[in-house]
C-alpha atoms as a PDB file:
ATOM      1  CA  MET A   1       0.021  -0.009   0.114  1.00  0.00           C
ATOM      2  CA  LEU A   2       1.167   3.561  -0.858  1.00  0.00           C
ATOM      3  CA  GLN A   3       2.680   5.306   2.119  1.00  0.00           C
ATOM      4  CA  LEU A   4       0.355   8.208   3.241  1.00  0.00           C
ATOM      5  CA  PRO A   5       1.128  11.078   3.654  1.00  0.00           C
ATOM      6  CA  LEU A   6       3.042  10.787   0.435  1.00  0.00           C
ATOM      7  CA  SER A   7       6.971  10.633   0.942  1.00  0.00           C
ATOM      8  CA  ASP A   8       8.905  13.177  -0.423  1.00  0.00           C
ATOM      9  CA  ALA A   9      10.112  10.998  -3.301  1.00  0.00           C
ATOM     10  CA  ASP A  10       6.628  10.042  -4.488  1.00  0.00           C
ATOM     11  CA  TRP A  11       5.513  13.785  -4.095  1.00  0.00           C
ATOM     12  CA  ALA A  12       8.644  14.526  -6.429  1.00  0.00           C
ATOM     13  CA  ARG A  13       7.531  12.158  -8.989  1.00  0.00           C
ATOM     14  CA  VAL A  14       4.037  13.723  -9.357  1.00  0.00           C
ATOM     15  CA  GLN A  15       4.711  17.509  -8.405  1.00  0.00           C
ATOM     16  CA  CYS A  16       5.192  18.623 -11.959  1.00  0.00           C
ATOM     17  CA  LEU A  17       1.467  17.858 -12.524  1.00  0.00           C
ATOM     18  CA  PHE A  18       0.382  20.508 -10.174  1.00  0.00           C
ATOM     19  CA  PRO A  19       1.842  23.835 -11.198  1.00  0.00           C
ATOM     20  CA  GLU A  20       1.586  26.811  -8.635  1.00  0.00           C
ATOM     21  CA  PRO A  21      -1.460  28.664  -9.269  1.00  0.00           C
ATOM     22  CA  PRO A  22      -1.017  32.577  -9.348  1.00  0.00           C
ATOM     23  CA  SER A  23      -1.539  34.210  -6.111  1.00  0.00           C
ATOM     24  CA  THR A  24      -5.070  35.577  -5.665  1.00  0.00           C
ATOM     25  CA  ARG A  25      -6.826  37.486  -2.713  1.00  0.00           C
ATOM     26  CA  GLY A  26      -8.913  35.909   0.001  1.00  0.00           C
ATOM     27  CA  ARG A  27      -8.480  32.536   1.716  1.00  0.00           C
ATOM     28  CA  PRO A  28      -4.867  30.925   1.319  1.00  0.00           C
ATOM     29  CA  ARG A  29      -5.292  27.950  -1.214  1.00  0.00           C
ATOM     30  CA  ARG A  30      -4.849  24.479   0.266  1.00  0.00           C
ATOM     31  CA  SER A  31      -1.721  22.690  -0.824  1.00  0.00           C
ATOM     32  CA  ASP A  32      -2.130  20.155  -3.761  1.00  0.00           C
ATOM     33  CA  ARG A  33      -0.069  17.732  -1.784  1.00  0.00           C
ATOM     34  CA  GLU A  34      -2.618  17.930   1.115  1.00  0.00           C
ATOM     35  CA  ILE A  35      -5.548  17.384  -1.196  1.00  0.00           C
ATOM     36  CA  LEU A  36      -3.584  14.621  -3.151  1.00  0.00           C
ATOM     37  CA  ASN A  37      -3.235  12.821   0.264  1.00  0.00           C
ATOM     38  CA  ALA A  38      -6.867  12.980   1.287  1.00  0.00           C
ATOM     39  CA  ILE A  39      -7.982  11.747  -2.309  1.00  0.00           C
ATOM     40  CA  LEU A  40      -5.246   8.782  -2.094  1.00  0.00           C
ATOM     41  CA  TRP A  41      -6.416   8.033   1.338  1.00  0.00           C
ATOM     42  CA  LEU A  42     -10.105   7.692   0.177  1.00  0.00           C
ATOM     43  CA  GLN A  43      -8.977   5.493  -2.844  1.00  0.00           C
ATOM     44  CA  GLN A  44      -7.056   3.105  -0.713  1.00  0.00           C
ATOM     45  CA  ARG A  45      -9.532   2.467   1.988  1.00  0.00           C
ATOM     46  CA  LYS A  46     -12.807   2.677  -0.593  1.00  0.00           C
ATOM     47  CA  GLU A  47     -14.222   5.340   1.808  1.00  0.00           C
ATOM     48  CA  LYS A  48     -16.940   7.868   1.081  1.00  0.00           C
ATOM     49  CA  TRP A  49     -16.235  11.746   1.173  1.00  0.00           C
ATOM     50  CA  HIS A  50     -18.083  12.225   4.619  1.00  0.00           C
ATOM     51  CA  ARG A  51     -15.774   9.728   6.245  1.00  0.00           C
ATOM     52  CA  LEU A  52     -12.622  11.763   5.543  1.00  0.00           C
ATOM     53  CA  PRO A  53     -10.885  12.312   8.733  1.00  0.00           C
ATOM     54  CA  ALA A  54     -10.364  15.927  10.035  1.00  0.00           C
ATOM     55  CA  THR A  55      -6.684  15.523   9.602  1.00  0.00           C
ATOM     56  CA  PHE A  56      -7.114  16.337   6.061  1.00  0.00           C
ATOM     57  CA  PRO A  57      -8.458  19.503   4.375  1.00  0.00           C
ATOM     58  CA  PRO A  58     -12.355  19.914   4.320  1.00  0.00           C
ATOM     59  CA  GLN A  59     -14.154  17.406   2.235  1.00  0.00           C
ATOM     60  CA  GLN A  60     -15.708  20.093   0.083  1.00  0.00           C
ATOM     61  CA  THR A  61     -12.207  21.446  -0.906  1.00  0.00           C
ATOM     62  CA  CYS A  62     -10.939  17.930  -1.673  1.00  0.00           C
ATOM     63  CA  TYR A  63     -13.829  16.836  -3.589  1.00  0.00           C
ATOM     64  CA  LEU A  64     -13.877  20.015  -5.848  1.00  0.00           C
ATOM     65  CA  ARG A  65     -10.030  19.502  -6.618  1.00  0.00           C
ATOM     66  CA  TYR A  66     -10.731  15.800  -7.108  1.00  0.00           C
ATOM     67  CA  MET A  67     -13.450  16.595  -9.742  1.00  0.00           C
ATOM     68  CA  MET A  68     -11.257  19.256 -11.398  1.00  0.00           C
ATOM     69  CA  TRP A  69      -8.177  16.870 -11.615  1.00  0.00           C
ATOM     70  CA  LYS A  70     -10.310  13.898 -12.753  1.00  0.00           C
ATOM     71  CA  LYS A  71     -11.638  16.149 -15.516  1.00  0.00           C
ATOM     72  CA  THR A  72      -8.373  17.450 -16.556  1.00  0.00           C
ATOM     73  CA  GLY A  73      -6.737  13.935 -16.407  1.00  0.00           C
ATOM     74  CA  VAL A  74      -4.437  14.762 -13.858  1.00  0.00           C
ATOM     75  CA  LEU A  75      -5.393  11.931 -11.572  1.00  0.00           C
ATOM     76  CA  GLU A  76      -5.065   9.524 -14.260  1.00  0.00           C
ATOM     77  CA  GLN A  77      -1.469  10.780 -14.779  1.00  0.00           C
ATOM     78  CA  VAL A  78      -0.870  10.590 -11.055  1.00  0.00           C
ATOM     79  CA  ASN A  79      -1.869   6.959 -11.086  1.00  0.00           C
ATOM     80  CA  GLU A  80       0.572   6.350 -13.798  1.00  0.00           C
ATOM     81  CA  LEU A  81       3.533   7.889 -12.207  1.00  0.00           C
ATOM     82  CA  LEU A  82       3.051   6.394  -8.426  1.00  0.00           C
ATOM     83  CA  PRO A  83       3.781   2.749  -8.077  1.00  0.00           C
ATOM     84  CA  ALA A  84       0.834   0.641  -9.723  1.00  0.00           C
ATOM     85  CA  GLU A  85       1.006  -2.128  -7.204  1.00  0.00           C
ATOM     86  CA  ASP A  86       0.850   0.413  -4.499  1.00  0.00           C
ATOM     87  CA  LEU A  87      -2.292   2.245  -5.569  1.00  0.00           C
ATOM     88  CA  GLU A  88      -5.842   0.610  -5.530  1.00  0.00           C
ATOM     89  CA  CYS A  89      -7.468   2.728  -8.027  1.00  0.00           C
ATOM     90  CA  SER A  90     -11.193   3.339  -7.414  1.00  0.00           C
ATOM     91  CA  SER A  91     -13.699   6.181  -7.790  1.00  0.00           C
ATOM     92  CA  ALA A  92     -14.066   7.754  -4.597  1.00  0.00           C
END
C-alpha cells in the first residue's frame, strides 16, 4: 500500500502535474499535496467523502479539486506515475 502522507520521493514524481497557481486575494489555497493525500486515502480505503478524517483539508475542498483533476486527467497521470502495485484505483 502506498505510504500516506506521500513521501518526498513520491511527491517529487507527481509534483510537476500541479503547477503553482497565481496568488489571489482571500483565503489561502490548500496545498495540492494535502489534497492529493486525502484523495489517495479515500481511494486506498474505498471510503466515502463524508468519512474523510478531520486531519485532512475539508471534504468540500478535496472533492472540488478531485473533480477538477479527474476532468483534466491529472489523477490518471498521478496513478501512472506512482507505483501501480501500491495504489488501489477506484472512484471515490
